[in-house]
């Protein structure tokens, strides 16, 4: 009888440990799934904002630099790039995240290119 009770007790402990491990695995898997879908949502929203940003500031391409300066004010910095074109750089921060917008201007004062990084 003592051996039977010992075997039943051992089997019960094994089943408890098995279900506990299975429960931990399910919780871990669920947590990973939840975090990954949350990150995808954030990435999707930031991509949408970046697309709107590119559309808004991309409209300046082909226009005169005076229109850009009226809209955005004085640039944070400006320099002449390797091609001999002037580059205006506008730096800002939103939620502590740095944003940099660069506009390339040719010799006639026409905006020929735009890039941005980190802008949300």
PDB file of N, CA and C in Angstrom:
ATOM      1  N   UNK A   1       0.806  -1.183   0.000  1.00  0.00           N
ATOM      2  CA  UNK A   1       0.000   0.000   0.000  1.00  0.00           C
ATOM      3  C   UNK A   1       0.857   1.259   0.000  1.00  0.00           C
ATOM      4  N   UNK A   2       1.980   1.213   0.740  1.00  0.00           N
ATOM      5  CA  UNK A   2       2.879   2.357   0.811  1.00  0.00           C
ATOM      6  C   UNK A   2       3.503   2.617  -0.549  1.00  0.00           C
ATOM      7  N   UNK A   3       3.876   1.568  -1.264  1.00  0.00           N
ATOM      8  CA  UNK A   3       4.458   1.724  -2.598  1.00  0.00           C
ATOM      9  C   UNK A   3       3.423   2.303  -3.555  1.00  0.00           C
ATOM     10  N   UNK A   4       2.189   1.859  -3.459  1.00  0.00           N
ATOM     11  CA  UNK A   4       1.128   2.376  -4.314  1.00  0.00           C
ATOM     12  C   UNK A   4       0.931   3.872  -4.059  1.00  0.00           C
ATOM     13  N   UNK A   5       0.852   4.274  -2.817  1.00  0.00           N
ATOM     14  CA  UNK A   5       0.697   5.684  -2.474  1.00  0.00           C
ATOM     15  C   UNK A   5       1.888   6.504  -2.972  1.00  0.00           C
ATOM     16  N   UNK A   6       3.079   5.942  -2.870  1.00  0.00           N
ATOM     17  CA  UNK A   6       4.274   6.636  -3.340  1.00  0.00           C
ATOM     18  C   UNK A   6       4.210   6.859  -4.848  1.00  0.00           C
ATOM     19  N   UNK A   7       3.790   5.817  -5.593  1.00  0.00           N
ATOM     20  CA  UNK A   7       3.678   5.924  -7.056  1.00  0.00           C
ATOM     21  C   UNK A   7       2.601   6.932  -7.449  1.00  0.00           C
ATOM     22  N   UNK A   8       1.478   6.918  -6.764  1.00  0.00           N
ATOM     23  CA  UNK A   8       0.393   7.866  -7.056  1.00  0.00           C
ATOM     24  C   UNK A   8       0.856   9.284  -6.755  1.00  0.00           C
ATOM     25  N   UNK A   9       1.531   9.459  -5.631  1.00  0.00           N
ATOM     26  CA  UNK A   9       2.038  10.771  -5.254  1.00  0.00           C
ATOM     27  C   UNK A   9       3.065  11.273  -6.265  1.00  0.00           C
ATOM     28  N   UNK A  10       3.957  10.405  -6.706  1.00  0.00           N
ATOM     29  CA  UNK A  10       4.970  10.756  -7.692  1.00  0.00           C
ATOM     30  C   UNK A  10       4.318  11.108  -9.023  1.00  0.00           C
ATOM     31  N   UNK A  11       3.323  10.333  -9.427  1.00  0.00           N
ATOM     32  CA  UNK A  11       2.607  10.604 -10.665  1.00  0.00           C
ATOM     33  C   UNK A  11       1.867  11.939 -10.584  1.00  0.00           C
ATOM     34  N   UNK A  12       1.263  12.217  -9.455  1.00  0.00           N
ATOM     35  CA  UNK A  12       0.560  13.491  -9.266  1.00  0.00           C
ATOM     36  C   UNK A  12       1.531  14.663  -9.350  1.00  0.00           C
ATOM     37  N   UNK A  13       2.689  14.534  -8.754  1.00  0.00           N
ATOM     38  CA  UNK A  13       3.692  15.592  -8.821  1.00  0.00           C
ATOM     39  C   UNK A  13       4.173  15.788 -10.257  1.00  0.00           C
ATOM     40  N   UNK A  14       4.386  14.691 -10.980  1.00  0.00           N
ATOM     41  CA  UNK A  14       4.812  14.783 -12.374  1.00  0.00           C
ATOM     42  C   UNK A  14       3.770  15.511 -13.217  1.00  0.00           C
ATOM     43  N   UNK A  15       2.503  15.165 -13.026  1.00  0.00           N
ATOM     44  CA  UNK A  15       1.423  15.816 -13.780  1.00  0.00           C
ATOM     45  C   UNK A  15       1.361  17.308 -13.436  1.00  0.00           C
ATOM     46  N   UNK A  16       1.513  17.654 -12.167  1.00  0.00           N
ATOM     47  CA  UNK A  16       1.516  19.058 -11.750  1.00  0.00           C
ATOM     48  C   UNK A  16       2.655  19.824 -12.415  1.00  0.00           C
ATOM     49  N   UNK A  17       3.837  19.251 -12.424  1.00  0.00           N
ATOM     50  CA  UNK A  17       4.995  19.906 -13.042  1.00  0.00           C
ATOM     51  C   UNK A  17       4.778  20.038 -14.541  1.00  0.00           C
ATOM     52  N   UNK A  18       4.259  18.992 -15.182  1.00  0.00           N
ATOM     53  CA  UNK A  18       4.011  19.016 -16.620  1.00  0.00           C
ATOM     54  C   UNK A  18       3.043  20.138 -16.987  1.00  0.00           C
ATOM     55  N   UNK A  19       1.926  20.235 -16.258  1.00  0.00           N
ATOM     56  CA  UNK A  19       0.948  21.274 -16.556  1.00  0.00           C
ATOM     57  C   UNK A  19       1.485  22.663 -16.241  1.00  0.00           C
ATOM     58  N   UNK A  20       2.300  22.793 -15.198  1.00  0.00           N
ATOM     59  CA  UNK A  20       2.906  24.073 -14.867  1.00  0.00           C
ATOM     60  C   UNK A  20       3.829  24.525 -15.992  1.00  0.00           C
ATOM     61  N   UNK A  21       4.641  23.597 -16.511  1.00  0.00           N
ATOM     62  CA  UNK A  21       5.544  23.931 -17.615  1.00  0.00           C
ATOM     63  C   UNK A  21       4.755  24.278 -18.866  1.00  0.00           C
ATOM     64  N   UNK A  22       3.701  23.532 -19.116  1.00  0.00           N
ATOM     65  CA  UNK A  22       2.855  23.806 -20.274  1.00  0.00           C
ATOM     66  C   UNK A  22       2.191  25.181 -20.135  1.00  0.00           C
ATOM     67  N   UNK A  23       1.730  25.513 -18.935  1.00  0.00           N
ATOM     68  CA  UNK A  23       1.106  26.801 -18.665  1.00  0.00           C
ATOM     69  C   UNK A  23       2.110  27.934 -18.886  1.00  0.00           C
ATOM     70  N   UNK A  24       3.332  27.777 -18.385  1.00  0.00           N
ATOM     71  CA  UNK A  24       4.367  28.792 -18.584  1.00  0.00           C
ATOM     72  C   UNK A  24       4.674  28.978 -20.062  1.00  0.00           C
ATOM     73  N   UNK A  25       4.728  27.862 -20.806  1.00  0.00           N
ATOM     74  CA  UNK A  25       5.000  27.934 -22.238  1.00  0.00           C
ATOM     75  C   UNK A  25       3.900  28.711 -22.957  1.00  0.00           C
ATOM     76  N   UNK A  26       2.664  28.433 -22.638  1.00  0.00           N
ATOM     77  CA  UNK A  26       1.538  29.120 -23.271  1.00  0.00           C
ATOM     78  C   UNK A  26       1.571  30.619 -22.941  1.00  0.00           C
ATOM     79  N   UNK A  27       1.840  30.959 -21.685  1.00  0.00           N
ATOM     80  CA  UNK A  27       1.909  32.367 -21.289  1.00  0.00           C
ATOM     81  C   UNK A  27       3.054  33.076 -22.019  1.00  0.00           C
ATOM     82  N   UNK A  28       4.209  32.427 -22.104  1.00  0.00           N
ATOM     83  CA  UNK A  28       5.355  33.004 -22.803  1.00  0.00           C
ATOM     84  C   UNK A  28       5.046  33.199 -24.275  1.00  0.00           C
ATOM     85  N   UNK A  29       4.463  32.203 -24.906  1.00  0.00           N
ATOM     86  CA  UNK A  29       4.106  32.288 -26.316  1.00  0.00           C
ATOM     87  C   UNK A  29       3.091  33.407 -26.557  1.00  0.00           C
ATOM     88  N   UNK A  30       2.099  33.518 -25.692  1.00  0.00           N
ATOM     89  CA  UNK A  30       1.091  34.565 -25.812  1.00  0.00           C
ATOM     90  C   UNK A  30       1.735  35.948 -25.652  1.00  0.00           C
ATOM     91  N   UNK A  31       2.660  36.085 -24.724  1.00  0.00           N
ATOM     92  CA  UNK A  31       3.341  37.367 -24.497  1.00  0.00           C
ATOM     93  C   UNK A  31       4.153  37.781 -25.715  1.00  0.00           C
ATOM     94  N   UNK A  32       4.868  36.833 -26.302  1.00  0.00           N
ATOM     95  CA  UNK A  32       5.660  37.125 -27.497  1.00  0.00           C
ATOM     96  C   UNK A  32       4.755  37.537 -28.646  1.00  0.00           C
ATOM     97  N   UNK A  33       3.661  36.844 -28.812  1.00  0.00           N
ATOM     98  CA  UNK A  33       2.703  37.173 -29.868  1.00  0.00           C
ATOM     99  C   UNK A  33       2.129  38.565 -29.664  1.00  0.00           C
ATOM    100  N   UNK A  34       1.773  38.894 -28.446  1.00  0.00           N
ATOM    101  CA  UNK A  34       1.214  40.209 -28.133  1.00  0.00           C
ATOM    102  C   UNK A  34       2.222  41.317 -28.397  1.00  0.00           C
ATOM    103  N   UNK A  35       3.455  41.120 -27.989  1.00  0.00           N
ATOM    104  CA  UNK A  35       4.488  42.131 -28.214  1.00  0.00           C
ATOM    105  C   UNK A  35       4.791  42.322 -29.694  1.00  0.00           C
ATOM    106  N   UNK A  36       4.848  41.244 -30.438  1.00  0.00           N
ATOM    107  CA  UNK A  36       5.180  41.369 -31.863  1.00  0.00           C
ATOM    108  C   UNK A  36       4.068  42.058 -32.640  1.00  0.00           C
ATOM    109  N   UNK A  37       2.821  41.802 -32.309  1.00  0.00           N
ATOM    110  CA  UNK A  37       1.736  42.500 -33.015  1.00  0.00           C
ATOM    111  C   UNK A  37       1.705  43.971 -32.618  1.00  0.00           C
ATOM    112  N   UNK A  38       2.042  44.279 -31.376  1.00  0.00           N
ATOM    113  CA  UNK A  38       2.104  45.675 -30.943  1.00  0.00           C
ATOM    114  C   UNK A  38       3.183  46.435 -31.684  1.00  0.00           C
ATOM    115  N   UNK A  39       4.338  45.806 -31.882  1.00  0.00           N
ATOM    116  CA  UNK A  39       5.430  46.444 -32.608  1.00  0.00           C
ATOM    117  C   UNK A  39       5.055  46.665 -34.070  1.00  0.00           C
ATOM    118  N   UNK A  40       4.334  45.720 -34.661  1.00  0.00           N
ATOM    119  CA  UNK A  40       3.904  45.876 -36.046  1.00  0.00           C
ATOM    120  C   UNK A  40       2.946  47.044 -36.173  1.00  0.00           C
ATOM    121  N   UNK A  41       2.069  47.239 -35.196  1.00  0.00           N
ATOM    122  CA  UNK A  41       1.128  48.347 -35.226  1.00  0.00           C
ATOM    123  C   UNK A  41       1.873  49.671 -35.155  1.00  0.00           C
ATOM    124  N   UNK A  42       2.858  49.767 -34.274  1.00  0.00           N
ATOM    125  CA  UNK A  42       3.645  50.989 -34.154  1.00  0.00           C
ATOM    126  C   UNK A  42       4.399  51.259 -35.449  1.00  0.00           C
ATOM    127  N   UNK A  43       4.999  50.223 -36.039  1.00  0.00           N
ATOM    128  CA  UNK A  43       5.735  50.395 -37.287  1.00  0.00           C
ATOM    129  C   UNK A  43       4.796  50.843 -38.400  1.00  0.00           C
ATOM    130  N   UNK A  44       3.610  50.268 -38.456  1.00  0.00           N
ATOM    131  CA  UNK A  44       2.648  50.643 -39.495  1.00  0.00           C
ATOM    132  C   UNK A  44       2.257  52.111 -39.360  1.00  0.00           C
ATOM    133  N   UNK A  45       1.993  52.553 -38.125  1.00  0.00           N
ATOM    134  CA  UNK A  45       1.610  53.946 -37.916  1.00  0.00           C
ATOM    135  C   UNK A  45       2.751  54.891 -38.233  1.00  0.00           C
ATOM    136  N   UNK A  46       3.977  54.538 -37.850  1.00  0.00           N
ATOM    137  CA  UNK A  46       5.110  55.411 -38.144  1.00  0.00           C
ATOM    138  C   UNK A  46       5.381  55.464 -39.645  1.00  0.00           C
ATOM    139  N   UNK A  47       5.161  54.337 -40.351  1.00  0.00           N
ATOM    140  CA  UNK A  47       5.312  54.336 -41.807  1.00  0.00           C
ATOM    141  C   UNK A  47       4.269  55.232 -42.469  1.00  0.00           C
ATOM    142  N   UNK A  48       3.040  55.230 -41.951  1.00  0.00           N
ATOM    143  CA  UNK A  48       1.991  56.095 -42.490  1.00  0.00           C
ATOM    144  C   UNK A  48       2.348  57.565 -42.286  1.00  0.00           C
ATOM    145  N   UNK A  49       2.862  57.892 -41.108  1.00  0.00           N
ATOM    146  CA  UNK A  49       3.257  59.274 -40.820  1.00  0.00           C
ATOM    147  C   UNK A  49       4.410  59.692 -41.718  1.00  0.00           C
ATOM    148  N   UNK A  50       5.378  58.787 -41.919  1.00  0.00           N
ATOM    149  CA  UNK A  50       6.515  59.083 -42.790  1.00  0.00           C
ATOM    150  C   UNK A  50       6.049  59.306 -44.225  1.00  0.00           C
ATOM    151  N   UNK A  51       5.071  58.539 -44.659  1.00  0.00           N
ATOM    152  CA  UNK A  51       4.539  58.703 -46.021  1.00  0.00           C
ATOM    153  C   UNK A  51       3.872  60.068 -46.177  1.00  0.00           C
ATOM    154  N   UNK A  52       3.086  60.476 -45.186  1.00  0.00           N
ATOM    155  CA  UNK A  52       2.456  61.799 -45.222  1.00  0.00           C
ATOM    156  C   UNK A  52       3.515  62.896 -45.230  1.00  0.00           C
ATOM    157  N   UNK A  53       4.553  62.695 -44.430  1.00  0.00           N
ATOM    158  CA  UNK A  53       5.671  63.638 -44.355  1.00  0.00           C
ATOM    159  C   UNK A  53       6.330  63.788 -45.723  1.00  0.00           C
ATOM    160  N   UNK A  54       6.600  62.669 -46.370  1.00  0.00           N
ATOM    161  CA  UNK A  54       7.244  62.716 -47.688  1.00  0.00           C
ATOM    162  C   UNK A  54       6.356  63.375 -48.731  1.00  0.00           C
ATOM    163  N   UNK A  55       5.051  63.146 -48.650  1.00  0.00           N
ATOM    164  CA  UNK A  55       4.139  63.797 -49.590  1.00  0.00           C
ATOM    165  C   UNK A  55       4.107  65.303 -49.365  1.00  0.00           C
ATOM    166  N   UNK A  56       4.015  65.706 -48.088  1.00  0.00           N
ATOM    167  CA  UNK A  56       3.917  67.132 -47.765  1.00  0.00           C
ATOM    168  C   UNK A  56       5.166  67.893 -48.193  1.00  0.00           C
ATOM    169  N   UNK A  57       6.335  67.396 -47.784  1.00  0.00           N
ATOM    170  CA  UNK A  57       7.556  68.117 -48.093  1.00  0.00           C
ATOM    171  C   UNK A  57       8.074  67.810 -49.495  1.00  0.00           C
ATOM    172  N   UNK A  58       7.653  66.708 -50.076  1.00  0.00           N
ATOM    173  CA  UNK A  58       8.012  66.391 -51.453  1.00  0.00           C
ATOM    174  C   UNK A  58       7.390  67.354 -52.444  1.00  0.00           C
ATOM    175  N   UNK A  59       6.321  68.033 -52.033  1.00  0.00           N
ATOM    176  CA  UNK A  59       5.684  69.022 -52.908  1.00  0.00           C
ATOM    177  C   UNK A  59       6.583  70.222 -53.166  1.00  0.00           C
ATOM    178  N   UNK A  60       7.576  70.435 -52.311  1.00  0.00           N
ATOM    179  CA  UNK A  60       8.503  71.554 -52.517  1.00  0.00           C
ATOM    180  C   UNK A  60       9.483  71.291 -53.656  1.00  0.00           C
ATOM    181  N   UNK A  61       9.673  70.029 -54.014  1.00  0.00           N
ATOM    182  CA  UNK A  61      10.603  69.702 -55.103  1.00  0.00           C
ATOM    183  C   UNK A  61      10.071  70.325 -56.392  1.00  0.00           C
ATOM    184  N   UNK A  62      10.951  71.070 -57.059  1.00  0.00           N
ATOM    185  CA  UNK A  62      10.577  71.776 -58.288  1.00  0.00           C
ATOM    186  C   UNK A  62      10.190  73.223 -58.041  1.00  0.00           C
ATOM    187  N   UNK A  63      10.038  73.613 -56.783  1.00  0.00           N
ATOM    188  CA  UNK A  63       9.682  74.993 -56.456  1.00  0.00           C
ATOM    189  C   UNK A  63      10.928  75.769 -56.050  1.00  0.00           C
ATOM    190  N   UNK A  64      10.765  77.064 -55.924  1.00  0.00           N
ATOM    191  CA  UNK A  64      11.872  77.925 -55.546  1.00  0.00           C
ATOM    192  C   UNK A  64      12.150  77.836 -54.047  1.00  0.00           C
ATOM    193  N   UNK A  65      13.400  78.060 -53.672  1.00  0.00           N
ATOM    194  CA  UNK A  65      13.834  77.950 -52.289  1.00  0.00           C
ATOM    195  C   UNK A  65      13.143  78.990 -51.399  1.00  0.00           C
ATOM    196  N   UNK A  66      12.721  80.109 -51.972  1.00  0.00           N
ATOM    197  CA  UNK A  66      12.034  81.147 -51.182  1.00  0.00           C
ATOM    198  C   UNK A  66      10.735  80.619 -50.576  1.00  0.00           C
ATOM    199  N   UNK A  67      10.016  79.782 -51.321  1.00  0.00           N
ATOM    200  CA  UNK A  67       8.768  79.206 -50.805  1.00  0.00           C
ATOM    201  C   UNK A  67       9.049  78.307 -49.605  1.00  0.00           C
ATOM    202  N   UNK A  68      10.128  77.556 -49.682  1.00  0.00           N
ATOM    203  CA  UNK A  68      10.526  76.682 -48.584  1.00  0.00           C
ATOM    204  C   UNK A  68      10.883  77.496 -47.348  1.00  0.00           C
ATOM    205  N   UNK A  69      11.656  78.547 -47.535  1.00  0.00           N
ATOM    206  CA  UNK A  69      12.070  79.384 -46.401  1.00  0.00           C
ATOM    207  C   UNK A  69      10.874  80.103 -45.772  1.00  0.00           C
ATOM    208  N   UNK A  70       9.895  80.487 -46.573  1.00  0.00           N
ATOM    209  CA  UNK A  70       8.681  81.112 -46.025  1.00  0.00           C
ATOM    210  C   UNK A  70       7.898  80.116 -45.171  1.00  0.00           C
ATOM    211  N   UNK A  71       7.847  78.880 -45.613  1.00  0.00           N
ATOM    212  CA  UNK A  71       7.084  77.845 -44.911  1.00  0.00           C
ATOM    213  C   UNK A  71       7.796  77.351 -43.646  1.00  0.00           C
ATOM    214  N   UNK A  72       9.086  77.041 -43.766  1.00  0.00           N
ATOM    215  CA  UNK A  72       9.820  76.419 -42.666  1.00  0.00           C
ATOM    216  C   UNK A  72      10.746  77.367 -41.909  1.00  0.00           C
ATOM    217  N   UNK A  73      10.976  78.532 -42.435  1.00  0.00           N
ATOM    218  CA  UNK A  73      11.875  79.480 -41.771  1.00  0.00           C
ATOM    219  C   UNK A  73      13.329  79.200 -42.104  1.00  0.00           C
ATOM    220  N   UNK A  74      14.202  79.727 -41.263  1.00  0.00           N
ATOM    221  CA  UNK A  74      15.643  79.554 -41.492  1.00  0.00           C
ATOM    222  C   UNK A  74      16.056  78.118 -41.170  1.00  0.00           C
ATOM    223  N   UNK A  75      16.954  77.552 -41.989  1.00  0.00           N
ATOM    224  CA  UNK A  75      17.409  76.182 -41.729  1.00  0.00           C
ATOM    225  C   UNK A  75      18.340  76.125 -40.519  1.00  0.00           C
ATOM    226  N   UNK A  76      18.427  74.937 -39.928  1.00  0.00           N
ATOM    227  CA  UNK A  76      19.337  74.715 -38.814  1.00  0.00           C
ATOM    228  C   UNK A  76      20.783  74.824 -39.286  1.00  0.00           C
ATOM    229  N   UNK A  77      21.050  74.285 -40.460  1.00  0.00           N
ATOM    230  CA  UNK A  77      22.377  74.397 -41.065  1.00  0.00           C
ATOM    231  C   UNK A  77      22.249  74.310 -42.573  1.00  0.00           C
ATOM    232  N   UNK A  78      23.254  74.803 -43.272  1.00  0.00           N
ATOM    233  CA  UNK A  78      23.298  74.700 -44.726  1.00  0.00           C
ATOM    234  C   UNK A  78      24.746  74.493 -45.154  1.00  0.00           C
ATOM    235  N   UNK A  79      24.904  73.766 -46.267  1.00  0.00           N
ATOM    236  CA  UNK A  79      26.235  73.489 -46.795  1.00  0.00           C
ATOM    237  C   UNK A  79      26.115  73.179 -48.274  1.00  0.00           C
ATOM    238  N   UNK A  80      27.267  73.194 -48.950  1.00  0.00           N
ATOM    239  CA  UNK A  80      27.321  72.841 -50.367  1.00  0.00           C
ATOM    240  C   UNK A  80      27.799  71.395 -50.454  1.00  0.00           C
ATOM    241  N   UNK A  81      27.027  70.566 -51.162  1.00  0.00           N
ATOM    242  CA  UNK A  81      27.376  69.140 -51.259  1.00  0.00           C
ATOM    243  C   UNK A  81      28.401  68.889 -52.360  1.00  0.00           C
ATOM    244  N   UNK A  82      28.718  67.627 -52.610  1.00  0.00           N
ATOM    245  CA  UNK A  82      29.743  67.238 -53.584  1.00  0.00           C
ATOM    246  C   UNK A  82      29.379  67.637 -55.014  1.00  0.00           C
ATOM    247  N   UNK A  83      28.085  67.732 -55.298  1.00  0.00           N
ATOM    248  CA  UNK A  83      27.637  68.092 -56.646  1.00  0.00           C
ATOM    249  C   UNK A  83      27.636  69.602 -56.868  1.00  0.00           C
ATOM    250  N   UNK A  84      27.916  70.353 -55.830  1.00  0.00           N
ATOM    251  CA  UNK A  84      27.909  71.810 -55.936  1.00  0.00           C
ATOM    252  C   UNK A  84      26.556  72.422 -55.628  1.00  0.00           C
ATOM    253  N   UNK A  85      25.612  71.605 -55.204  1.00  0.00           N
ATOM    254  CA  UNK A  85      24.277  72.106 -54.842  1.00  0.00           C
ATOM    255  C   UNK A  85      24.240  72.460 -53.358  1.00  0.00           C
ATOM    256  N   UNK A  86      23.474  73.481 -53.041  1.00  0.00           N
ATOM    257  CA  UNK A  86      23.298  73.864 -51.643  1.00  0.00           C
ATOM    258  C   UNK A  86      22.323  72.896 -50.977  1.00  0.00           C
ATOM    259  N   UNK A  87      22.613  72.525 -49.752  1.00  0.00           N
ATOM    260  CA  UNK A  87      21.727  71.655 -48.987  1.00  0.00           C
ATOM    261  C   UNK A  87      21.293  72.380 -47.721  1.00  0.00           C
ATOM    262  N   UNK A  88      19.979  72.495 -47.543  1.00  0.00           N
ATOM    263  CA  UNK A  88      19.420  73.102 -46.341  1.00  0.00           C
ATOM    264  C   UNK A  88      18.967  71.978 -45.414  1.00  0.00           C
ATOM    265  N   UNK A  89      19.370  72.055 -44.150  1.00  0.00           N
ATOM    266  CA  UNK A  89      19.032  71.025 -43.177  1.00  0.00           C
ATOM    267  C   UNK A  89      18.170  71.637 -42.087  1.00  0.00           C
ATOM    268  N   UNK A  90      17.003  71.031 -41.851  1.00  0.00           N
ATOM    269  CA  UNK A  90      16.098  71.444 -40.781  1.00  0.00           C
ATOM    270  C   UNK A  90      16.047  70.323 -39.754  1.00  0.00           C
ATOM    271  N   UNK A  91      16.481  70.626 -38.517  1.00  0.00           N
ATOM    272  CA  UNK A  91      16.491  69.621 -37.456  1.00  0.00           C
ATOM    273  C   UNK A  91      15.479  70.005 -36.384  1.00  0.00           C
ATOM    274  N   UNK A  92      14.677  69.012 -35.984  1.00  0.00           N
ATOM    275  CA  UNK A  92      13.700  69.204 -34.909  1.00  0.00           C
ATOM    276  C   UNK A  92      13.698  67.959 -34.031  1.00  0.00           C
ATOM    277  N   UNK A  93      12.972  68.034 -32.938  1.00  0.00           N
ATOM    278  CA  UNK A  93      12.777  66.878 -32.060  1.00  0.00           C
ATOM    279  C   UNK A  93      11.299  66.777 -31.723  1.00  0.00           C
ATOM    280  N   UNK A  94      10.785  65.552 -31.750  1.00  0.00           N
ATOM    281  CA  UNK A  94       9.411  65.287 -31.345  1.00  0.00           C
ATOM    282  C   UNK A  94       9.433  64.075 -30.436  1.00  0.00           C
ATOM    283  N   UNK A  95       8.907  64.224 -29.237  1.00  0.00           N
ATOM    284  CA  UNK A  95       8.929  63.166 -28.225  1.00  0.00           C
ATOM    285  C   UNK A  95      10.362  62.710 -27.931  1.00  0.00           C
ATOM    286  N   UNK A  96      11.316  63.628 -28.050  1.00  0.00           N
ATOM    287  CA  UNK A  96      12.712  63.308 -27.791  1.00  0.00           C
ATOM    288  C   UNK A  96      13.415  62.595 -28.932  1.00  0.00           C
ATOM    289  N   UNK A  97      12.715  62.394 -30.050  1.00  0.00           N
ATOM    290  CA  UNK A  97      13.290  61.699 -31.209  1.00  0.00           C
ATOM    291  C   UNK A  97      13.741  62.751 -32.218  1.00  0.00           C
ATOM    292  N   UNK A  98      15.026  62.755 -32.583  1.00  0.00           N
ATOM    293  CA  UNK A  98      15.509  63.763 -33.535  1.00  0.00           C
ATOM    294  C   UNK A  98      14.994  63.507 -34.946  1.00  0.00           C
ATOM    295  N   UNK A  99      14.658  64.594 -35.614  1.00  0.00           N
ATOM    296  CA  UNK A  99      14.159  64.550 -36.983  1.00  0.00           C
ATOM    297  C   UNK A  99      15.049  65.451 -37.830  1.00  0.00           C
ATOM    298  N   UNK A 100      15.413  64.971 -39.011  1.00  0.00           N
ATOM    299  CA  UNK A 100      16.266  65.765 -39.901  1.00  0.00           C
ATOM    300  C   UNK A 100      15.684  65.741 -41.304  1.00  0.00           C
ATOM    301  N   UNK A 101      15.431  66.932 -41.839  1.00  0.00           N
ATOM    302  CA  UNK A 101      14.931  67.073 -43.214  1.00  0.00           C
ATOM    303  C   UNK A 101      15.982  67.809 -44.018  1.00  0.00           C
ATOM    304  N   UNK A 102      16.345  67.256 -45.182  1.00  0.00           N
ATOM    305  CA  UNK A 102      17.346  67.888 -46.035  1.00  0.00           C
ATOM    306  C   UNK A 102      16.724  68.205 -47.390  1.00  0.00           C
ATOM    307  N   UNK A 103      16.949  69.424 -47.826  1.00  0.00           N
ATOM    308  CA  UNK A 103      16.485  69.873 -49.133  1.00  0.00           C
ATOM    309  C   UNK A 103      17.699  70.268 -49.959  1.00  0.00           C
ATOM    310  N   UNK A 104      17.775  69.745 -51.180  1.00  0.00           N
ATOM    311  CA  UNK A 104      18.887  70.061 -52.077  1.00  0.00           C
ATOM    312  C   UNK A 104      18.428  71.109 -53.087  1.00  0.00           C
ATOM    313  N   UNK A 105      19.210  72.181 -53.215  1.00  0.00           N
ATOM    314  CA  UNK A 105      18.856  73.308 -54.086  1.00  0.00           C
ATOM    315  C   UNK A 105      19.948  73.475 -55.142  1.00  0.00           C
ATOM    316  N   UNK A 106      19.540  73.577 -56.405  1.00  0.00           N
ATOM    317  CA  UNK A 106      20.526  73.757 -57.472  1.00  0.00           C
ATOM    318  C   UNK A 106      20.940  75.227 -57.585  1.00  0.00           C
ATOM    319  N   UNK A 107      21.769  75.540 -58.573  1.00  0.00           N
ATOM    320  CA  UNK A 107      22.342  76.893 -58.717  1.00  0.00           C
ATOM    321  C   UNK A 107      21.283  77.948 -59.050  1.00  0.00           C
ATOM    322  N   UNK A 108      20.154  77.540 -59.638  1.00  0.00           N
ATOM    323  CA  UNK A 108      19.110  78.511 -59.992  1.00  0.00           C
ATOM    324  C   UNK A 108      18.131  78.757 -58.850  1.00  0.00           C
ATOM    325  N   UNK A 109      18.331  78.086 -57.710  1.00  0.00           N
ATOM    326  CA  UNK A 109      17.456  78.279 -56.556  1.00  0.00           C
ATOM    327  C   UNK A 109      16.236  77.380 -56.551  1.00  0.00           C
ATOM    328  N   UNK A 110      16.260  76.334 -57.370  1.00  0.00           N
ATOM    329  CA  UNK A 110      15.145  75.388 -57.437  1.00  0.00           C
ATOM    330  C   UNK A 110      15.467  74.169 -56.563  1.00  0.00           C
ATOM    331  N   UNK A 111      14.484  73.717 -55.825  1.00  0.00           N
ATOM    332  CA  UNK A 111      14.651  72.543 -54.972  1.00  0.00           C
ATOM    333  C   UNK A 111      14.614  71.310 -55.857  1.00  0.00           C
ATOM    334  N   UNK A 112      15.682  70.511 -55.800  1.00  0.00           N
ATOM    335  CA  UNK A 112      15.782  69.340 -56.683  1.00  0.00           C
ATOM    336  C   UNK A 112      15.709  68.020 -55.930  1.00  0.00           C
ATOM    337  N   UNK A 113      15.717  68.060 -54.589  1.00  0.00           N
ATOM    338  CA  UNK A 113      15.639  66.818 -53.841  1.00  0.00           C
ATOM    339  C   UNK A 113      15.271  67.044 -52.393  1.00  0.00           C
ATOM    340  N   UNK A 114      14.698  65.990 -51.788  1.00  0.00           N
ATOM    341  CA  UNK A 114      14.280  66.050 -50.379  1.00  0.00           C
ATOM    342  C   UNK A 114      14.485  64.690 -49.754  1.00  0.00           C
ATOM    343  N   UNK A 115      15.051  64.671 -48.536  1.00  0.00           N
ATOM    344  CA  UNK A 115      15.141  63.440 -47.749  1.00  0.00           C
ATOM    345  C   UNK A 115      14.819  63.777 -46.295  1.00  0.00           C
ATOM    346  N   UNK A 116      14.313  62.802 -45.585  1.00  0.00           N
ATOM    347  CA  UNK A 116      14.072  62.989 -44.159  1.00  0.00           C
ATOM    348  C   UNK A 116      14.411  61.701 -43.433  1.00  0.00           C
ATOM    349  N   UNK A 117      14.824  61.849 -42.176  1.00  0.00           N
ATOM    350  CA  UNK A 117      15.125  60.664 -41.376  1.00  0.00           C
ATOM    351  C   UNK A 117      14.731  60.911 -39.946  1.00  0.00           C
ATOM    352  N   UNK A 118      14.104  59.899 -39.337  1.00  0.00           N
ATOM    353  CA  UNK A 118      13.718  59.971 -37.941  1.00  0.00           C
ATOM    354  C   UNK A 118      12.470  60.776 -37.650  1.00  0.00           C
ATOM    355  N   UNK A 119      11.795  61.241 -38.679  1.00  0.00           N
ATOM    356  CA  UNK A 119      10.622  62.110 -38.464  1.00  0.00           C
ATOM    357  C   UNK A 119       9.371  61.271 -38.299  1.00  0.00           C
ATOM    358  N   UNK A 120       8.654  61.511 -37.179  1.00  0.00           N
ATOM    359  CA  UNK A 120       7.394  60.809 -36.936  1.00  0.00           C
ATOM    360  C   UNK A 120       6.286  61.808 -36.683  1.00  0.00           C
TER     361      UNK A 120
END
